[in-house]
Amino acid sequence: PDNSTHSNKTKKPPNPKKKNTMKKPSVFSFLISLLLAAAVCTHGKEQVKDTNGNPVKVGEKYFIQPVKTASNNGGGLVPAAITVLPFCPLGITQTLLPYQPGLPVSFEFPYVIPDTIVETSSIVNIKFESDIWPVCNEFSKLWEVDVSSSAAKEPAILIGGKSGAENSAFKIEKAGEGAGANTYKLTTSTGTVGTTPGAWLSAPQLLITNDDSKTLLVKFNKVDDATAATTTSRVEKLGLRMFPFY
């Protein structure tokens, strides 16, 4: 009988309460890990600001204004053919006239998100906003990186992208130390938006590069609703009349 009692004691099942108590720390740790992961995802993001210091928002119109440097005249961005044949899709160049604003663009999120403010490192689509578009109307006005088989080592940025497509995904990043307030660069998964002398009068043509010396630094100048009609109309009529030479 004594042995039986001793045997029962040694075979006693573990206390279920004790088992549950051991699980609690792991669940708690998992929740903490999720919170830390969420914090890491948002760490370092900042609101993108326009030239007036206001947040850049999706759906609004902005001029992407290149920063004038010793190697860049600061001309605005416009659509232009980058090859004679085929003429379409169009590429993007800077105007040869310094500080001409070019054509306005809008930013869109390629996915549903409740926020309207663009942040650094957020994926956006970029779209030209113009009612005057004399050629290549079968293509969209969204920007995209050339991923065709004939694309150069530093592929051109074209017009005709698709929302949600990987080659239509751009990010806005801070330009870095010494670049000035509210100055940015546009990036993709494969490189940074830069310029190279183009086919038409050597006007700077936009492309993707990993050469820092070619990086295009930009500011975002919000289109004032009060003057948008006259300013944009004047730019479009002057520029598109000479399409694609500007």
C-alpha atoms as a PDB file:
ATOM      1  CA  PRO A   1       0.000   0.000   0.000  1.00  0.00           C
ATOM      2  CA  ASP A   2       2.844   2.359   0.805  1.00  0.00           C
ATOM      3  CA  ASN A   3       4.407   1.698  -2.590  1.00  0.00           C
ATOM      4  CA  SER A   4       1.067   2.311  -4.313  1.00  0.00           C
ATOM      5  CA  THR A   5       0.700   5.639  -2.566  1.00  0.00           C
ATOM      6  CA  HIS A   6       4.209   6.631  -3.534  1.00  0.00           C
ATOM      7  CA  SER A   7       3.575   5.600  -7.157  1.00  0.00           C
ATOM      8  CA  ASN A   8       0.408   7.708  -7.384  1.00  0.00           C
ATOM      9  CA  LYS A   9       2.235  10.723  -6.126  1.00  0.00           C
ATOM     10  CA  THR A  10       5.000  10.411  -8.691  1.00  0.00           C
ATOM     11  CA  LYS A  11       2.524   9.960 -11.576  1.00  0.00           C
ATOM     12  CA  LYS A  12       0.387  12.918 -10.600  1.00  0.00           C
ATOM     13  CA  PRO A  13      -0.445  14.953 -13.756  1.00  0.00           C
ATOM     14  CA  PRO A  14       0.896  18.503 -13.992  1.00  0.00           C
ATOM     15  CA  ASN A  15      -1.228  21.300 -12.600  1.00  0.00           C
ATOM     16  CA  PRO A  16      -3.226  22.772 -15.531  1.00  0.00           C
ATOM     17  CA  LYS A  17      -3.224  26.180 -13.880  1.00  0.00           C
ATOM     18  CA  LYS A  18       0.532  26.155 -13.842  1.00  0.00           C
ATOM     19  CA  LYS A  19       0.584  25.282 -17.558  1.00  0.00           C
ATOM     20  CA  ASN A  20      -1.667  28.227 -18.446  1.00  0.00           C
ATOM     21  CA  THR A  21       0.472  30.524 -16.369  1.00  0.00           C
ATOM     22  CA  MET A  22       3.502  29.539 -18.444  1.00  0.00           C
ATOM     23  CA  LYS A  23       1.705  30.514 -21.688  1.00  0.00           C
ATOM     24  CA  LYS A  24       0.898  34.057 -20.683  1.00  0.00           C
ATOM     25  CA  PRO A  25       4.418  35.471 -21.062  1.00  0.00           C
ATOM     26  CA  SER A  26       4.716  34.095 -24.625  1.00  0.00           C
ATOM     27  CA  VAL A  27       1.417  35.682 -25.719  1.00  0.00           C
ATOM     28  CA  PHE A  28       2.426  38.949 -24.112  1.00  0.00           C
ATOM     29  CA  SER A  29       5.817  38.804 -25.837  1.00  0.00           C
ATOM     30  CA  PHE A  30       4.114  38.202 -29.188  1.00  0.00           C
ATOM     31  CA  LEU A  31       1.943  41.293 -28.771  1.00  0.00           C
ATOM     32  CA  ILE A  32       4.978  43.358 -27.837  1.00  0.00           C
ATOM     33  CA  SER A  33       6.764  42.056 -30.946  1.00  0.00           C
ATOM     34  CA  LEU A  34       3.854  43.169 -33.137  1.00  0.00           C
ATOM     35  CA  LEU A  35       3.906  46.638 -31.618  1.00  0.00           C
ATOM     36  CA  LEU A  36       7.658  46.894 -32.135  1.00  0.00           C
ATOM     37  CA  ALA A  37       7.308  45.730 -35.748  1.00  0.00           C
ATOM     38  CA  ALA A  38       4.666  48.392 -36.396  1.00  0.00           C
ATOM     39  CA  ALA A  39       6.933  51.015 -34.888  1.00  0.00           C
ATOM     40  CA  VAL A  40       9.817  49.930 -37.115  1.00  0.00           C
ATOM     41  CA  CYS A  41       7.617  50.161 -40.228  1.00  0.00           C
ATOM     42  CA  THR A  42       6.759  53.802 -39.541  1.00  0.00           C
ATOM     43  CA  HIS A  43      10.139  54.818 -38.127  1.00  0.00           C
ATOM     44  CA  GLY A  44      11.885  57.484 -40.172  1.00  0.00           C
ATOM     45  CA  LYS A  45       8.851  58.485 -42.252  1.00  0.00           C
ATOM     46  CA  GLU A  46       8.066  62.179 -42.485  1.00  0.00           C
ATOM     47  CA  GLN A  47       5.417  64.234 -44.221  1.00  0.00           C
ATOM     48  CA  VAL A  48       6.523  65.436 -47.642  1.00  0.00           C
ATOM     49  CA  LYS A  49       6.252  69.241 -47.712  1.00  0.00           C
ATOM     50  CA  ASP A  50       5.663  71.635 -50.602  1.00  0.00           C
ATOM     51  CA  THR A  51       7.558  74.886 -51.109  1.00  0.00           C
ATOM     52  CA  ASN A  52       5.270  76.628 -48.610  1.00  0.00           C
ATOM     53  CA  GLY A  53       5.943  74.021 -45.941  1.00  0.00           C
ATOM     54  CA  ASN A  54       2.497  72.428 -46.236  1.00  0.00           C
ATOM     55  CA  PRO A  55       1.987  68.643 -46.485  1.00  0.00           C
ATOM     56  CA  VAL A  56       1.826  67.245 -50.010  1.00  0.00           C
ATOM     57  CA  LYS A  57      -1.528  65.497 -50.522  1.00  0.00           C
ATOM     58  CA  VAL A  58      -2.835  62.966 -53.002  1.00  0.00           C
ATOM     59  CA  GLY A  59      -5.259  64.344 -55.563  1.00  0.00           C
ATOM     60  CA  GLU A  60      -3.817  67.869 -55.440  1.00  0.00           C
ATOM     61  CA  LYS A  61      -1.843  69.374 -58.320  1.00  0.00           C
ATOM     62  CA  TYR A  62       1.831  70.257 -58.009  1.00  0.00           C
ATOM     63  CA  PHE A  63       4.630  71.395 -60.256  1.00  0.00           C
ATOM     64  CA  ILE A  64       7.690  69.202 -59.763  1.00  0.00           C
ATOM     65  CA  GLN A  65      10.334  71.915 -59.839  1.00  0.00           C
ATOM     66  CA  PRO A  66      13.923  70.731 -60.396  1.00  0.00           C
ATOM     67  CA  VAL A  67      16.482  72.497 -58.236  1.00  0.00           C
ATOM     68  CA  LYS A  68      18.740  74.775 -60.253  1.00  0.00           C
ATOM     69  CA  THR A  69      22.404  73.769 -60.006  1.00  0.00           C
ATOM     70  CA  ALA A  70      25.606  74.299 -61.959  1.00  0.00           C
ATOM     71  CA  SER A  71      24.615  71.403 -64.221  1.00  0.00           C
ATOM     72  CA  ASN A  72      20.827  71.881 -64.241  1.00  0.00           C
ATOM     73  CA  ASN A  73      18.921  74.939 -65.447  1.00  0.00           C
ATOM     74  CA  GLY A  74      15.894  74.268 -63.239  1.00  0.00           C
ATOM     75  CA  GLY A  75      13.389  73.930 -66.083  1.00  0.00           C
ATOM     76  CA  GLY A  76      10.087  72.182 -65.345  1.00  0.00           C
ATOM     77  CA  LEU A  77       9.072  68.689 -66.418  1.00  0.00           C
ATOM     78  CA  VAL A  78       7.142  68.038 -69.620  1.00  0.00           C
ATOM     79  CA  PRO A  79       6.276  65.069 -71.853  1.00  0.00           C
ATOM     80  CA  ALA A  80       8.388  64.670 -74.972  1.00  0.00           C
ATOM     81  CA  ALA A  81       9.297  61.983 -77.464  1.00  0.00           C
ATOM     82  CA  ILE A  82      12.625  60.329 -76.715  1.00  0.00           C
ATOM     83  CA  THR A  83      12.819  58.428 -80.004  1.00  0.00           C
ATOM     84  CA  VAL A  84      11.705  59.225 -83.543  1.00  0.00           C
ATOM     85  CA  LEU A  85      10.350  55.750 -84.226  1.00  0.00           C
ATOM     86  CA  PRO A  86       8.371  54.638 -82.385  1.00  0.00           C
ATOM     87  CA  PHE A  87       7.135  58.059 -81.312  1.00  0.00           C
ATOM     88  CA  CYS A  88       5.058  56.657 -78.444  1.00  0.00           C
ATOM     89  CA  PRO A  89       5.169  56.169 -75.533  1.00  0.00           C
ATOM     90  CA  LEU A  90       6.488  59.572 -74.591  1.00  0.00           C
ATOM     91  CA  GLY A  91       9.313  60.191 -72.177  1.00  0.00           C
ATOM     92  CA  ILE A  92       9.841  63.086 -69.768  1.00  0.00           C
ATOM     93  CA  THR A  93      12.281  65.952 -70.206  1.00  0.00           C
ATOM     94  CA  GLN A  94      13.024  69.290 -68.607  1.00  0.00           C
ATOM     95  CA  THR A  95      12.167  72.464 -70.460  1.00  0.00           C
ATOM     96  CA  LEU A  96      15.112  74.372 -71.857  1.00  0.00           C
ATOM     97  CA  LEU A  97      13.760  77.595 -70.373  1.00  0.00           C
ATOM     98  CA  PRO A  98      14.940  78.073 -66.762  1.00  0.00           C
ATOM     99  CA  TYR A  99      12.170  78.055 -64.171  1.00  0.00           C
ATOM    100  CA  GLN A 100       9.406  77.338 -66.675  1.00  0.00           C
ATOM    101  CA  PRO A 101       7.129  75.269 -64.404  1.00  0.00           C
ATOM    102  CA  GLY A 102       6.311  72.548 -66.914  1.00  0.00           C
ATOM    103  CA  LEU A 103       3.081  70.582 -66.532  1.00  0.00           C
ATOM    104  CA  PRO A 104       1.498  69.838 -63.151  1.00  0.00           C
ATOM    105  CA  VAL A 105       1.293  66.360 -61.696  1.00  0.00           C
ATOM    106  CA  SER A 106      -0.783  64.657 -59.039  1.00  0.00           C
ATOM    107  CA  PHE A 107       0.168  61.858 -56.673  1.00  0.00           C
ATOM    108  CA  GLU A 108      -1.949  58.777 -56.051  1.00  0.00           C
ATOM    109  CA  PHE A 109      -1.615  55.804 -53.718  1.00  0.00           C
ATOM    110  CA  PRO A 110      -1.749  52.534 -55.714  1.00  0.00           C
ATOM    111  CA  TYR A 111      -3.677  50.935 -52.854  1.00  0.00           C
ATOM    112  CA  VAL A 112      -6.585  51.946 -50.613  1.00  0.00           C
ATOM    113  CA  ILE A 113      -5.370  53.942 -47.634  1.00  0.00           C
ATOM    114  CA  PRO A 114      -7.377  56.237 -45.332  1.00  0.00           C
ATOM    115  CA  ASP A 115      -4.732  58.974 -45.307  1.00  0.00           C
ATOM    116  CA  THR A 116      -4.321  61.730 -47.910  1.00  0.00           C
ATOM    117  CA  ILE A 117      -0.884  63.012 -46.867  1.00  0.00           C
ATOM    118  CA  VAL A 118       2.158  61.717 -48.731  1.00  0.00           C
ATOM    119  CA  GLU A 119       5.041  60.593 -46.537  1.00  0.00           C
ATOM    120  CA  THR A 120       8.652  59.878 -47.394  1.00  0.00           C
ATOM    121  CA  SER A 121       9.242  56.268 -48.460  1.00  0.00           C
ATOM    122  CA  SER A 122       5.527  55.779 -49.245  1.00  0.00           C
ATOM    123  CA  ILE A 123       4.788  54.248 -52.643  1.00  0.00           C
ATOM    124  CA  VAL A 124       2.971  56.626 -54.981  1.00  0.00           C
ATOM    125  CA  ASN A 125       1.957  56.827 -58.612  1.00  0.00           C
ATOM    126  CA  ILE A 126       2.763  60.065 -60.437  1.00  0.00           C
ATOM    127  CA  LYS A 127       0.402  61.382 -63.103  1.00  0.00           C
ATOM    128  CA  PHE A 128       0.608  64.353 -65.446  1.00  0.00           C
ATOM    129  CA  GLU A 129      -2.476  66.584 -65.213  1.00  0.00           C
ATOM    130  CA  SER A 130      -3.250  68.255 -68.529  1.00  0.00           C
ATOM    131  CA  ASP A 131      -6.317  68.731 -70.706  1.00  0.00           C
ATOM    132  CA  ILE A 132      -4.146  69.342 -73.766  1.00  0.00           C
ATOM    133  CA  TRP A 133      -2.551  66.110 -74.972  1.00  0.00           C
ATOM    134  CA  PRO A 134      -2.164  66.095 -78.756  1.00  0.00           C
ATOM    135  CA  VAL A 135      -0.472  62.706 -79.246  1.00  0.00           C
ATOM    136  CA  CYS A 136      -0.204  59.219 -77.737  1.00  0.00           C
ATOM    137  CA  ASN A 137      -3.686  59.411 -76.226  1.00  0.00           C
ATOM    138  CA  GLU A 138      -3.887  55.619 -76.129  1.00  0.00           C
ATOM    139  CA  PHE A 139      -1.432  55.693 -73.230  1.00  0.00           C
ATOM    140  CA  SER A 140      -2.210  56.726 -69.673  1.00  0.00           C
ATOM    141  CA  LYS A 141      -0.568  59.806 -68.153  1.00  0.00           C
ATOM    142  CA  LEU A 142       1.015  57.808 -65.326  1.00  0.00           C
ATOM    143  CA  TRP A 143       4.783  57.690 -65.064  1.00  0.00           C
ATOM    144  CA  GLU A 144       6.580  54.368 -65.433  1.00  0.00           C
ATOM    145  CA  VAL A 145      10.090  52.991 -65.758  1.00  0.00           C
ATOM    146  CA  ASP A 146      10.907  51.424 -69.121  1.00  0.00           C
ATOM    147  CA  VAL A 147      11.168  47.675 -68.532  1.00  0.00           C
ATOM    148  CA  SER A 148      10.998  46.633 -72.181  1.00  0.00           C
ATOM    149  CA  SER A 149      13.600  44.349 -73.718  1.00  0.00           C
ATOM    150  CA  SER A 150      15.108  47.347 -75.495  1.00  0.00           C
ATOM    151  CA  ALA A 151      15.480  49.412 -72.315  1.00  0.00           C
ATOM    152  CA  ALA A 152      18.887  50.948 -71.706  1.00  0.00           C
ATOM    153  CA  LYS A 153      21.093  50.148 -68.711  1.00  0.00           C
ATOM    154  CA  GLU A 154      19.773  53.406 -67.250  1.00  0.00           C
ATOM    155  CA  PRO A 155      16.122  53.031 -68.326  1.00  0.00           C
ATOM    156  CA  ALA A 156      14.044  56.021 -69.334  1.00  0.00           C
ATOM    157  CA  ILE A 157      10.977  57.177 -67.453  1.00  0.00           C
ATOM    158  CA  LEU A 158       8.000  56.941 -69.783  1.00  0.00           C
ATOM    159  CA  ILE A 159       4.361  58.001 -69.754  1.00  0.00           C
ATOM    160  CA  GLY A 160       1.845  55.175 -69.923  1.00  0.00           C
ATOM    161  CA  GLY A 161       2.067  53.378 -66.589  1.00  0.00           C
ATOM    162  CA  LYS A 162      -0.511  51.351 -64.689  1.00  0.00           C
ATOM    163  CA  SER A 163      -1.592  51.928 -61.107  1.00  0.00           C
ATOM    164  CA  GLY A 164      -0.293  49.122 -58.930  1.00  0.00           C
ATOM    165  CA  ALA A 165       2.372  48.031 -61.418  1.00  0.00           C
ATOM    166  CA  GLU A 166       5.837  47.654 -59.923  1.00  0.00           C
ATOM    167  CA  ASN A 167       7.458  49.826 -62.593  1.00  0.00           C
ATOM    168  CA  SER A 168       4.946  52.621 -61.849  1.00  0.00           C
ATOM    169  CA  ALA A 169       5.848  52.711 -58.148  1.00  0.00           C
ATOM    170  CA  PHE A 170       7.836  55.745 -57.017  1.00  0.00           C
ATOM    171  CA  LYS A 171       8.939  57.002 -53.619  1.00  0.00           C
ATOM    172  CA  ILE A 172       9.770  60.500 -52.428  1.00  0.00           C
ATOM    173  CA  GLU A 173      12.866  60.668 -50.230  1.00  0.00           C
ATOM    174  CA  LYS A 174      14.597  63.591 -48.528  1.00  0.00           C
ATOM    175  CA  ALA A 175      17.499  64.893 -50.578  1.00  0.00           C
ATOM    176  CA  GLY A 176      19.882  64.874 -47.627  1.00  0.00           C
ATOM    177  CA  GLU A 177      22.166  67.260 -45.809  1.00  0.00           C
ATOM    178  CA  GLY A 178      22.915  70.567 -47.496  1.00  0.00           C
ATOM    179  CA  ALA A 179      20.166  70.269 -50.115  1.00  0.00           C
ATOM    180  CA  GLY A 180      17.936  72.898 -48.527  1.00  0.00           C
ATOM    181  CA  ALA A 181      14.523  72.823 -46.898  1.00  0.00           C
ATOM    182  CA  ASN A 182      11.738  70.757 -48.473  1.00  0.00           C
ATOM    183  CA  THR A 183      14.044  69.339 -51.136  1.00  0.00           C
ATOM    184  CA  TYR A 184      13.589  65.762 -52.292  1.00  0.00           C
ATOM    185  CA  LYS A 185      14.585  63.079 -54.761  1.00  0.00           C
ATOM    186  CA  LEU A 186      12.378  60.511 -56.480  1.00  0.00           C
ATOM    187  CA  THR A 187      13.353  56.864 -56.193  1.00  0.00           C
ATOM    188  CA  THR A 188      12.242  53.429 -57.386  1.00  0.00           C
ATOM    189  CA  SER A 189      13.104  49.879 -56.382  1.00  0.00           C
ATOM    190  CA  THR A 190      15.977  49.893 -58.874  1.00  0.00           C
ATOM    191  CA  GLY A 191      17.474  53.352 -58.524  1.00  0.00           C
ATOM    192  CA  THR A 192      17.002  57.105 -58.318  1.00  0.00           C
ATOM    193  CA  VAL A 193      15.432  59.476 -60.834  1.00  0.00           C
ATOM    194  CA  GLY A 194      18.155  61.427 -62.587  1.00  0.00           C
ATOM    195  CA  THR A 195      18.785  63.159 -65.896  1.00  0.00           C
ATOM    196  CA  THR A 196      20.963  62.790 -68.960  1.00  0.00           C
ATOM    197  CA  PRO A 197      21.169  64.936 -72.134  1.00  0.00           C
ATOM    198  CA  GLY A 198      18.275  63.873 -74.336  1.00  0.00           C
ATOM    199  CA  ALA A 199      17.798  63.478 -78.076  1.00  0.00           C
ATOM    200  CA  TRP A 200      16.066  66.832 -78.605  1.00  0.00           C
ATOM    201  CA  LEU A 201      18.472  69.767 -78.288  1.00  0.00           C
ATOM    202  CA  SER A 202      20.147  67.894 -75.412  1.00  0.00           C
ATOM    203  CA  ALA A 203      17.285  68.806 -73.063  1.00  0.00           C
ATOM    204  CA  PRO A 204      17.688  66.822 -69.809  1.00  0.00           C
ATOM    205  CA  GLN A 205      15.789  63.541 -70.062  1.00  0.00           C
ATOM    206  CA  LEU A 206      14.555  61.671 -66.991  1.00  0.00           C
ATOM    207  CA  LEU A 207      15.872  58.174 -66.333  1.00  0.00           C
ATOM    208  CA  ILE A 208      16.692  55.778 -63.510  1.00  0.00           C
ATOM    209  CA  THR A 209      20.296  55.835 -62.361  1.00  0.00           C
ATOM    210  CA  ASN A 210      22.574  54.788 -59.530  1.00  0.00           C
ATOM    211  CA  ASP A 211      25.032  57.561 -60.368  1.00  0.00           C
ATOM    212  CA  ASP A 212      24.737  60.223 -57.655  1.00  0.00           C
ATOM    213  CA  SER A 213      26.064  62.896 -60.015  1.00  0.00           C
ATOM    214  CA  LYS A 214      22.958  62.465 -62.199  1.00  0.00           C
ATOM    215  CA  THR A 215      20.406  62.573 -59.361  1.00  0.00           C
ATOM    216  CA  LEU A 216      17.605  65.088 -59.898  1.00  0.00           C
ATOM    217  CA  LEU A 217      16.724  67.120 -56.804  1.00  0.00           C
ATOM    218  CA  VAL A 218      13.229  68.590 -56.789  1.00  0.00           C
ATOM    219  CA  LYS A 219      10.743  70.695 -54.863  1.00  0.00           C
ATOM    220  CA  PHE A 220       6.951  70.515 -55.024  1.00  0.00           C
ATOM    221  CA  ASN A 221       5.195  73.759 -55.873  1.00  0.00           C
ATOM    222  CA  LYS A 222       1.442  73.522 -55.258  1.00  0.00           C
ATOM    223  CA  VAL A 223      -0.705  74.786 -58.098  1.00  0.00           C
ATOM    224  CA  ASP A 224      -2.723  77.730 -56.798  1.00  0.00           C
ATOM    225  CA  ASP A 225      -6.366  77.223 -57.737  1.00  0.00           C
ATOM    226  CA  ALA A 226      -6.764  80.948 -58.354  1.00  0.00           C
ATOM    227  CA  THR A 227      -4.005  81.075 -60.963  1.00  0.00           C
ATOM    228  CA  ALA A 228      -3.942  77.468 -62.156  1.00  0.00           C
ATOM    229  CA  ALA A 229      -6.139  78.110 -65.181  1.00  0.00           C
ATOM    230  CA  THR A 230      -4.045  80.966 -66.554  1.00  0.00           C
ATOM    231  CA  THR A 231      -0.608  79.644 -65.590  1.00  0.00           C
ATOM    232  CA  THR A 232      -1.162  76.067 -66.684  1.00  0.00           C
ATOM    233  CA  SER A 233      -2.955  77.126 -69.838  1.00  0.00           C
ATOM    234  CA  ARG A 234      -0.092  79.429 -70.814  1.00  0.00           C
ATOM    235  CA  VAL A 235       2.511  76.743 -70.183  1.00  0.00           C
ATOM    236  CA  GLU A 236       0.536  74.098 -72.036  1.00  0.00           C
ATOM    237  CA  LYS A 237      -0.168  76.284 -75.041  1.00  0.00           C
ATOM    238  CA  LEU A 238       3.426  77.444 -75.332  1.00  0.00           C
ATOM    239  CA  GLY A 239       4.908  74.043 -74.696  1.00  0.00           C
ATOM    240  CA  LEU A 240       2.525  71.727 -76.471  1.00  0.00           C
ATOM    241  CA  ARG A 241       2.421  73.916 -79.565  1.00  0.00           C
ATOM    242  CA  MET A 242       6.107  73.042 -79.979  1.00  0.00           C
ATOM    243  CA  PHE A 243       5.486  69.454 -78.890  1.00  0.00           C
ATOM    244  CA  PRO A 244       7.752  67.581 -78.424  1.00  0.00           C
ATOM    245  CA  PHE A 245      10.565  70.143 -78.553  1.00  0.00           C
ATOM    246  CA  TYR A 246       9.566  72.662 -75.858  1.00  0.00           C
END
